[in-house]
Amino acid sequence: MSIRIQSEDFDLSTEVARLRAASPAVGAVVSFLGTVRDIHDNGSDTVFSMELEHYPGMTEKVLQTLETEVRARWQIEDMLIIHRVGKLEPTDQIVLVVVCSRHRQTAFEACAYAMDMLKTRAPFWKKETTGKGSHWVEAKTSDEEASAGWSKK
């Protein structure tokens, strides 16, 4: 697994090609790409920018623990998580999770699990700047419910 926390953008095609090339056993690649929306979650205001902060050292440790969990639960060939920090604007890429496995169902499940856990466990904070000013983005109940749902599976 590769974990990268970075301010620089990334290229989805390049990242996927690198993972695929590493193992001829890969039969499925599933990815999640998160981007900055131009509208606040409740639709009340236009988002001009988003600033992402994290807890260095702790963030990487949480993501490494997540990798261990994914590998214990599913037989994957490889995995990549890239999360950007710093100031981003609408349409900018924020996060990439890619899972490679021999079969598609494994890759789908492992990718969904990784993203759900990343959203609820990793110490990232988002501040949106809108027409009404700047505010920290609150955690979503739906993210917590999705994360909790994995304990039942």
N, C-alpha and C. Protein backbone atom coordinates (compact mmCIF):
# COMPACT_ATOMS: atom_id res chain seq x y z
N MET A 1 0.85 -1.18 0.00
CA MET A 1 0.00 0.00 0.00
C MET A 1 0.88 1.23 0.00
N SER A 2 0.37 2.21 -0.60
CA SER A 2 1.04 3.49 -0.60
C SER A 2 0.08 4.52 -0.01
N ILE A 3 0.57 5.30 0.91
CA ILE A 3 -0.20 6.38 1.52
C ILE A 3 0.55 7.67 1.26
N ARG A 4 -0.17 8.64 0.72
CA ARG A 4 0.47 9.94 0.49
C ARG A 4 -0.47 11.05 0.95
N ILE A 5 0.06 11.92 1.77
CA ILE A 5 -0.62 13.15 2.14
C ILE A 5 0.18 14.25 1.46
N GLN A 6 -0.47 15.03 0.60
CA GLN A 6 0.28 15.98 -0.20
C GLN A 6 -0.56 17.18 -0.58
N SER A 7 0.11 18.28 -0.89
CA SER A 7 -0.60 19.46 -1.38
C SER A 7 -0.72 19.44 -2.90
N GLU A 8 0.19 18.71 -3.56
CA GLU A 8 0.21 18.66 -5.02
C GLU A 8 -0.95 17.81 -5.55
N ASP A 9 -1.38 18.16 -6.76
CA ASP A 9 -2.40 17.37 -7.44
C ASP A 9 -1.81 16.03 -7.87
N PHE A 10 -2.64 15.13 -8.32
CA PHE A 10 -2.20 13.81 -8.78
C PHE A 10 -2.97 13.48 -10.05
N ASP A 11 -2.46 12.50 -10.78
CA ASP A 11 -3.09 12.07 -12.03
C ASP A 11 -3.67 10.67 -11.83
N LEU A 12 -4.98 10.55 -11.91
CA LEU A 12 -5.67 9.29 -11.69
C LEU A 12 -5.14 8.18 -12.60
N SER A 13 -5.02 8.45 -13.87
CA SER A 13 -4.56 7.43 -14.82
C SER A 13 -3.15 6.94 -14.49
N THR A 14 -2.28 7.84 -14.15
CA THR A 14 -0.90 7.47 -13.81
C THR A 14 -0.87 6.60 -12.57
N GLU A 15 -1.64 6.97 -11.56
CA GLU A 15 -1.66 6.21 -10.31
C GLU A 15 -2.21 4.80 -10.51
N VAL A 16 -3.30 4.68 -11.27
CA VAL A 16 -3.89 3.37 -11.53
C VAL A 16 -2.94 2.52 -12.37
N ALA A 17 -2.33 3.10 -13.39
CA ALA A 17 -1.39 2.35 -14.24
C ALA A 17 -0.22 1.81 -13.42
N ARG A 18 0.28 2.60 -12.49
CA ARG A 18 1.39 2.18 -11.65
C ARG A 18 0.99 0.96 -10.79
N LEU A 19 -0.19 1.00 -10.22
CA LEU A 19 -0.66 -0.13 -9.41
C LEU A 19 -0.88 -1.38 -10.26
N ARG A 20 -1.49 -1.22 -11.42
CA ARG A 20 -1.75 -2.37 -12.30
C ARG A 20 -0.46 -3.02 -12.77
N ALA A 21 0.53 -2.21 -13.07
CA ALA A 21 1.79 -2.73 -13.58
C ALA A 21 2.56 -3.53 -12.54
N ALA A 22 2.27 -3.30 -11.28
CA ALA A 22 3.02 -3.95 -10.21
C ALA A 22 2.67 -5.43 -10.04
N SER A 23 1.51 -5.86 -10.56
CA SER A 23 1.12 -7.26 -10.37
C SER A 23 0.25 -7.75 -11.52
N PRO A 24 0.70 -8.80 -12.22
CA PRO A 24 -0.11 -9.37 -13.29
C PRO A 24 -1.33 -10.13 -12.76
N ALA A 25 -1.43 -10.32 -11.44
CA ALA A 25 -2.58 -11.01 -10.84
C ALA A 25 -3.80 -10.09 -10.73
N VAL A 26 -3.62 -8.79 -10.95
CA VAL A 26 -4.73 -7.84 -10.83
C VAL A 26 -5.75 -8.10 -11.93
N GLY A 27 -6.98 -8.38 -11.50
CA GLY A 27 -8.07 -8.57 -12.44
C GLY A 27 -9.14 -7.50 -12.30
N ALA A 28 -9.06 -6.73 -11.21
CA ALA A 28 -10.05 -5.69 -10.96
C ALA A 28 -9.37 -4.50 -10.28
N VAL A 29 -9.76 -3.32 -10.72
CA VAL A 29 -9.29 -2.08 -10.11
C VAL A 29 -10.52 -1.23 -9.84
N VAL A 30 -10.71 -0.86 -8.59
CA VAL A 30 -11.82 0.02 -8.22
C VAL A 30 -11.22 1.25 -7.56
N SER A 31 -11.73 2.41 -7.96
CA SER A 31 -11.22 3.65 -7.39
C SER A 31 -12.36 4.56 -6.96
N PHE A 32 -12.04 5.39 -5.98
CA PHE A 32 -12.93 6.47 -5.57
C PHE A 32 -12.13 7.75 -5.67
N LEU A 33 -12.69 8.74 -6.34
CA LEU A 33 -12.06 10.04 -6.49
C LEU A 33 -13.00 11.08 -5.92
N GLY A 34 -12.57 11.76 -4.87
CA GLY A 34 -13.37 12.82 -4.27
C GLY A 34 -12.87 14.18 -4.73
N THR A 35 -13.81 15.07 -5.04
CA THR A 35 -13.47 16.41 -5.53
C THR A 35 -14.20 17.48 -4.72
N VAL A 36 -13.73 18.69 -4.83
CA VAL A 36 -14.36 19.83 -4.16
C VAL A 36 -15.59 20.24 -4.95
N ARG A 37 -16.72 20.29 -4.25
CA ARG A 37 -17.96 20.76 -4.88
C ARG A 37 -18.01 22.29 -4.83
N ASP A 38 -18.79 22.89 -5.71
CA ASP A 38 -18.91 24.34 -5.72
C ASP A 38 -20.09 24.84 -4.91
N ILE A 39 -20.76 23.91 -4.21
CA ILE A 39 -21.92 24.32 -3.42
C ILE A 39 -21.85 23.65 -2.06
N HIS A 40 -22.22 24.40 -1.04
CA HIS A 40 -22.23 23.87 0.32
C HIS A 40 -23.18 22.69 0.38
N ASP A 41 -22.89 21.73 1.26
CA ASP A 41 -23.63 20.48 1.35
C ASP A 41 -25.15 20.66 1.39
N ASN A 42 -25.62 21.66 2.11
CA ASN A 42 -27.07 21.84 2.21
C ASN A 42 -27.62 22.70 1.08
N GLY A 43 -26.76 23.08 0.13
CA GLY A 43 -27.20 23.86 -1.03
C GLY A 43 -27.44 25.32 -0.74
N SER A 44 -27.04 25.79 0.43
CA SER A 44 -27.37 27.15 0.84
C SER A 44 -26.42 28.22 0.33
N ASP A 45 -25.24 27.81 -0.15
CA ASP A 45 -24.27 28.83 -0.55
C ASP A 45 -23.23 28.25 -1.49
N THR A 46 -22.62 29.12 -2.29
CA THR A 46 -21.56 28.73 -3.20
C THR A 46 -20.24 28.62 -2.44
N VAL A 47 -19.51 27.55 -2.72
CA VAL A 47 -18.20 27.35 -2.12
C VAL A 47 -17.15 27.92 -3.06
N PHE A 48 -16.32 28.82 -2.54
CA PHE A 48 -15.24 29.42 -3.32
C PHE A 48 -13.94 28.65 -3.16
N SER A 49 -13.73 28.10 -1.96
CA SER A 49 -12.53 27.32 -1.72
C SER A 49 -12.73 26.45 -0.48
N MET A 50 -11.84 25.47 -0.35
CA MET A 50 -11.84 24.61 0.82
C MET A 50 -10.38 24.46 1.26
N GLU A 51 -10.17 24.58 2.56
CA GLU A 51 -8.83 24.40 3.10
C GLU A 51 -8.83 23.14 3.95
N LEU A 52 -7.91 22.23 3.65
CA LEU A 52 -7.82 20.96 4.37
C LEU A 52 -6.57 20.95 5.24
N GLU A 53 -6.77 20.58 6.50
CA GLU A 53 -5.67 20.44 7.43
C GLU A 53 -5.67 19.01 7.96
N HIS A 54 -4.52 18.58 8.50
CA HIS A 54 -4.44 17.25 9.07
C HIS A 54 -3.46 17.25 10.22
N TYR A 55 -3.42 16.14 10.92
CA TYR A 55 -2.53 15.97 12.06
C TYR A 55 -1.36 15.12 11.58
N PRO A 56 -0.24 15.74 11.16
CA PRO A 56 0.89 14.98 10.62
C PRO A 56 1.37 13.90 11.60
N GLY A 57 1.72 12.78 11.04
CA GLY A 57 2.15 11.64 11.85
C GLY A 57 0.97 10.79 12.28
N MET A 58 -0.01 11.40 12.89
CA MET A 58 -1.20 10.67 13.32
C MET A 58 -2.03 10.24 12.11
N THR A 59 -2.14 11.11 11.13
CA THR A 59 -2.93 10.78 9.93
C THR A 59 -2.34 9.56 9.23
N GLU A 60 -1.04 9.54 9.04
CA GLU A 60 -0.40 8.40 8.39
C GLU A 60 -0.58 7.12 9.21
N LYS A 61 -0.49 7.23 10.52
CA LYS A 61 -0.68 6.07 11.39
C LYS A 61 -2.09 5.50 11.25
N VAL A 62 -3.08 6.36 11.21
CA VAL A 62 -4.47 5.91 11.04
C VAL A 62 -4.64 5.21 9.69
N LEU A 63 -4.05 5.77 8.65
CA LEU A 63 -4.18 5.17 7.32
C LEU A 63 -3.42 3.85 7.23
N GLN A 64 -2.30 3.73 7.92
CA GLN A 64 -1.58 2.45 7.95
C GLN A 64 -2.39 1.38 8.68
N THR A 65 -3.06 1.75 9.75
CA THR A 65 -3.94 0.83 10.46
C THR A 65 -5.08 0.40 9.55
N LEU A 66 -5.60 1.33 8.79
CA LEU A 66 -6.67 1.03 7.83
C LEU A 66 -6.20 0.01 6.80
N GLU A 67 -4.99 0.17 6.30
CA GLU A 67 -4.44 -0.80 5.35
C GLU A 67 -4.40 -2.20 5.97
N THR A 68 -3.94 -2.29 7.19
CA THR A 68 -3.86 -3.58 7.88
C THR A 68 -5.24 -4.23 7.97
N GLU A 69 -6.24 -3.43 8.29
CA GLU A 69 -7.62 -3.93 8.37
C GLU A 69 -8.12 -4.43 7.02
N VAL A 70 -7.86 -3.65 5.97
CA VAL A 70 -8.31 -4.04 4.63
C VAL A 70 -7.67 -5.36 4.21
N ARG A 71 -6.38 -5.46 4.43
CA ARG A 71 -5.67 -6.69 4.04
C ARG A 71 -6.11 -7.90 4.86
N ALA A 72 -6.50 -7.69 6.10
CA ALA A 72 -6.99 -8.80 6.94
C ALA A 72 -8.39 -9.25 6.52
N ARG A 73 -9.15 -8.34 5.96
CA ARG A 73 -10.55 -8.63 5.62
C ARG A 73 -10.74 -9.12 4.19
N TRP A 74 -9.91 -8.63 3.27
CA TRP A 74 -10.04 -8.98 1.85
C TRP A 74 -8.68 -9.38 1.29
N GLN A 75 -8.71 -10.23 0.28
CA GLN A 75 -7.47 -10.60 -0.41
C GLN A 75 -7.26 -9.62 -1.57
N ILE A 76 -6.49 -8.59 -1.28
CA ILE A 76 -6.22 -7.59 -2.31
C ILE A 76 -4.78 -7.73 -2.78
N GLU A 77 -4.53 -7.24 -3.96
CA GLU A 77 -3.18 -7.23 -4.51
C GLU A 77 -2.43 -5.97 -4.08
N ASP A 78 -3.13 -4.83 -4.10
CA ASP A 78 -2.49 -3.57 -3.71
C ASP A 78 -3.56 -2.53 -3.44
N MET A 79 -3.09 -1.41 -2.88
CA MET A 79 -4.01 -0.35 -2.47
C MET A 79 -3.24 0.97 -2.44
N LEU A 80 -3.94 2.05 -2.73
CA LEU A 80 -3.34 3.38 -2.70
C LEU A 80 -4.34 4.36 -2.10
N ILE A 81 -3.84 5.20 -1.21
CA ILE A 81 -4.64 6.32 -0.70
C ILE A 81 -3.80 7.58 -0.85
N ILE A 82 -4.37 8.56 -1.55
CA ILE A 82 -3.77 9.89 -1.65
C ILE A 82 -4.80 10.87 -1.09
N HIS A 83 -4.38 11.72 -0.18
CA HIS A 83 -5.28 12.76 0.34
C HIS A 83 -4.52 14.08 0.28
N ARG A 84 -5.16 15.06 -0.29
CA ARG A 84 -4.53 16.37 -0.42
C ARG A 84 -4.84 17.24 0.79
N VAL A 85 -3.95 18.16 1.06
CA VAL A 85 -4.13 19.16 2.10
C VAL A 85 -3.81 20.52 1.50
N GLY A 86 -4.20 21.57 2.20
CA GLY A 86 -3.96 22.92 1.70
C GLY A 86 -5.23 23.51 1.12
N LYS A 87 -5.07 24.59 0.41
CA LYS A 87 -6.21 25.30 -0.17
C LYS A 87 -6.57 24.72 -1.53
N LEU A 88 -7.84 24.32 -1.68
CA LEU A 88 -8.34 23.76 -2.94
C LEU A 88 -9.56 24.55 -3.39
N GLU A 89 -9.84 24.48 -4.68
CA GLU A 89 -10.99 25.18 -5.25
C GLU A 89 -11.95 24.18 -5.88
N PRO A 90 -13.19 24.61 -6.18
CA PRO A 90 -14.14 23.69 -6.80
C PRO A 90 -13.55 22.99 -8.03
N THR A 91 -13.83 21.73 -8.13
CA THR A 91 -13.39 20.76 -9.14
C THR A 91 -12.01 20.19 -8.84
N ASP A 92 -11.26 20.75 -7.89
CA ASP A 92 -9.96 20.18 -7.53
C ASP A 92 -10.16 18.80 -6.90
N GLN A 93 -9.22 17.92 -7.14
CA GLN A 93 -9.23 16.58 -6.55
C GLN A 93 -8.78 16.66 -5.10
N ILE A 94 -9.51 15.93 -4.22
CA ILE A 94 -9.16 15.91 -2.80
C ILE A 94 -8.54 14.57 -2.41
N VAL A 95 -9.24 13.49 -2.74
CA VAL A 95 -8.84 12.18 -2.24
C VAL A 95 -8.96 11.13 -3.34
N LEU A 96 -8.04 10.18 -3.31
CA LEU A 96 -8.08 9.04 -4.22
C LEU A 96 -7.85 7.77 -3.41
N VAL A 97 -8.75 6.83 -3.54
CA VAL A 97 -8.58 5.49 -2.96
C VAL A 97 -8.68 4.51 -4.12
N VAL A 98 -7.65 3.68 -4.29
CA VAL A 98 -7.64 2.68 -5.35
C VAL A 98 -7.33 1.33 -4.72
N VAL A 99 -8.14 0.33 -5.09
CA VAL A 99 -7.91 -1.04 -4.61
C VAL A 99 -7.80 -1.95 -5.82
N CYS A 100 -6.75 -2.78 -5.83
CA CYS A 100 -6.54 -3.77 -6.87
C CYS A 100 -6.69 -5.16 -6.25
N SER A 101 -7.44 -6.01 -6.94
CA SER A 101 -7.60 -7.38 -6.47
C SER A 101 -7.76 -8.30 -7.69
N ARG A 102 -7.88 -9.57 -7.41
CA ARG A 102 -8.09 -10.53 -8.50
C ARG A 102 -9.51 -10.46 -9.05
N HIS A 103 -10.47 -10.11 -8.16
CA HIS A 103 -11.89 -10.12 -8.55
C HIS A 103 -12.58 -8.82 -8.16
N ARG A 104 -13.60 -8.45 -8.93
CA ARG A 104 -14.24 -7.14 -8.77
C ARG A 104 -14.95 -6.96 -7.43
N GLN A 105 -15.66 -7.96 -6.94
CA GLN A 105 -16.42 -7.77 -5.70
C GLN A 105 -15.50 -7.44 -4.54
N THR A 106 -14.37 -8.11 -4.47
CA THR A 106 -13.38 -7.82 -3.44
C THR A 106 -12.91 -6.38 -3.54
N ALA A 107 -12.60 -5.93 -4.75
CA ALA A 107 -12.11 -4.56 -4.95
C ALA A 107 -13.19 -3.54 -4.58
N PHE A 108 -14.46 -3.79 -5.00
CA PHE A 108 -15.54 -2.87 -4.65
C PHE A 108 -15.71 -2.74 -3.14
N GLU A 109 -15.79 -3.88 -2.47
CA GLU A 109 -16.01 -3.87 -1.02
C GLU A 109 -14.84 -3.23 -0.27
N ALA A 110 -13.62 -3.59 -0.63
CA ALA A 110 -12.46 -3.05 0.06
C ALA A 110 -12.33 -1.54 -0.15
N CYS A 111 -12.63 -1.07 -1.34
CA CYS A 111 -12.56 0.37 -1.62
C CYS A 111 -13.63 1.12 -0.83
N ALA A 112 -14.84 0.61 -0.81
CA ALA A 112 -15.92 1.26 -0.06
C ALA A 112 -15.58 1.30 1.43
N TYR A 113 -15.10 0.20 1.96
CA TYR A 113 -14.71 0.14 3.37
C TYR A 113 -13.62 1.18 3.67
N ALA A 114 -12.59 1.19 2.84
CA ALA A 114 -11.48 2.12 3.06
C ALA A 114 -11.95 3.57 3.06
N MET A 115 -12.82 3.92 2.13
CA MET A 115 -13.31 5.30 2.07
C MET A 115 -14.18 5.62 3.27
N ASP A 116 -15.07 4.70 3.65
CA ASP A 116 -15.93 4.94 4.82
C ASP A 116 -15.10 5.13 6.08
N MET A 117 -14.08 4.32 6.26
CA MET A 117 -13.24 4.43 7.46
C MET A 117 -12.37 5.69 7.41
N LEU A 118 -11.87 6.02 6.23
CA LEU A 118 -11.07 7.24 6.09
C LEU A 118 -11.89 8.46 6.51
N LYS A 119 -13.14 8.52 6.06
CA LYS A 119 -14.00 9.67 6.36
C LYS A 119 -14.26 9.84 7.85
N THR A 120 -14.29 8.74 8.60
CA THR A 120 -14.65 8.83 10.01
C THR A 120 -13.48 8.73 10.97
N ARG A 121 -12.36 8.21 10.52
CA ARG A 121 -11.23 8.00 11.44
C ARG A 121 -10.04 8.93 11.23
N ALA A 122 -9.75 9.24 9.99
CA ALA A 122 -8.52 10.00 9.70
C ALA A 122 -8.67 11.45 10.16
N PRO A 123 -7.66 11.97 10.84
CA PRO A 123 -7.75 13.34 11.36
C PRO A 123 -7.48 14.41 10.30
N PHE A 124 -8.53 14.65 9.50
CA PHE A 124 -8.53 15.74 8.52
C PHE A 124 -9.62 16.72 8.91
N TRP A 125 -9.37 18.01 8.69
CA TRP A 125 -10.37 19.03 8.96
C TRP A 125 -10.52 19.89 7.72
N LYS A 126 -11.78 20.23 7.41
CA LYS A 126 -12.08 21.01 6.21
C LYS A 126 -12.73 22.33 6.60
N LYS A 127 -12.20 23.41 6.04
CA LYS A 127 -12.81 24.73 6.23
C LYS A 127 -13.24 25.25 4.87
N GLU A 128 -14.53 25.50 4.73
CA GLU A 128 -15.07 26.04 3.48
C GLU A 128 -15.14 27.56 3.55
N THR A 129 -14.84 28.20 2.43
CA THR A 129 -15.06 29.63 2.30
C THR A 129 -16.18 29.81 1.30
N THR A 130 -17.24 30.44 1.76
CA THR A 130 -18.43 30.66 0.93
C THR A 130 -18.73 32.16 0.89
N GLY A 131 -19.81 32.51 0.22
CA GLY A 131 -20.24 33.90 0.18
C GLY A 131 -20.63 34.43 1.54
N LYS A 132 -20.89 33.54 2.49
CA LYS A 132 -21.27 33.93 3.85
C LYS A 132 -20.10 33.90 4.82
N GLY A 133 -18.90 33.66 4.31
CA GLY A 133 -17.72 33.61 5.16
C GLY A 133 -17.12 32.21 5.22
N SER A 134 -16.24 31.99 6.20
CA SER A 134 -15.57 30.70 6.34
C SER A 134 -16.13 29.94 7.54
N HIS A 135 -16.18 28.62 7.42
CA HIS A 135 -16.66 27.78 8.52
C HIS A 135 -16.04 26.38 8.39
N TRP A 136 -15.86 25.73 9.54
CA TRP A 136 -15.38 24.36 9.56
C TRP A 136 -16.53 23.43 9.21
N VAL A 137 -16.25 22.43 8.40
CA VAL A 137 -17.26 21.46 7.97
C VAL A 137 -17.45 20.43 9.08
N GLU A 138 -18.69 20.25 9.48
CA GLU A 138 -19.03 19.29 10.54
C GLU A 138 -19.03 17.87 9.98
N ALA A 139 -18.76 16.91 10.85
CA ALA A 139 -18.85 15.50 10.47
C ALA A 139 -20.31 15.18 10.14
N LYS A 140 -20.51 14.28 9.19
CA LYS A 140 -21.87 13.91 8.77
C LYS A 140 -22.34 12.65 9.48
N THR A 141 -23.57 12.65 9.88
CA THR A 141 -24.18 11.47 10.49
C THR A 141 -24.16 10.31 9.50
N SER A 142 -24.38 10.60 8.23
CA SER A 142 -24.42 9.54 7.22
C SER A 142 -23.06 8.85 7.09
N ASP A 143 -21.96 9.58 7.28
CA ASP A 143 -20.63 8.97 7.24
C ASP A 143 -20.44 8.05 8.43
N GLU A 144 -20.88 8.48 9.59
CA GLU A 144 -20.78 7.65 10.80
C GLU A 144 -21.62 6.38 10.65
N GLU A 145 -22.81 6.51 10.07
CA GLU A 145 -23.69 5.35 9.87
C GLU A 145 -23.07 4.36 8.88
N ALA A 146 -22.47 4.88 7.81
CA ALA A 146 -21.83 4.01 6.82
C ALA A 146 -20.67 3.26 7.46
N SER A 147 -19.88 3.94 8.26
CA SER A 147 -18.76 3.32 8.94
C SER A 147 -19.22 2.25 9.92
N ALA A 148 -20.22 2.57 10.69
CA ALA A 148 -20.77 1.63 11.67
C ALA A 148 -21.39 0.40 11.01
N GLY A 149 -21.92 0.59 9.81
CA GLY A 149 -22.56 -0.51 9.09
C GLY A 149 -21.62 -1.66 8.76
N TRP A 150 -20.31 -1.38 8.67
CA TRP A 150 -19.35 -2.42 8.35
C TRP A 150 -19.19 -3.43 9.48
N SER A 151 -19.49 -3.04 10.69
CA SER A 151 -19.36 -3.98 11.82
C SER A 151 -20.44 -5.07 11.74
N LYS A 152 -21.48 -4.82 10.97
CA LYS A 152 -22.58 -5.78 10.82
C LYS A 152 -22.35 -6.73 9.65
N LYS A 153 -21.33 -6.45 8.84
CA LYS A 153 -21.08 -7.26 7.64
C LYS A 153 -20.03 -8.31 7.90
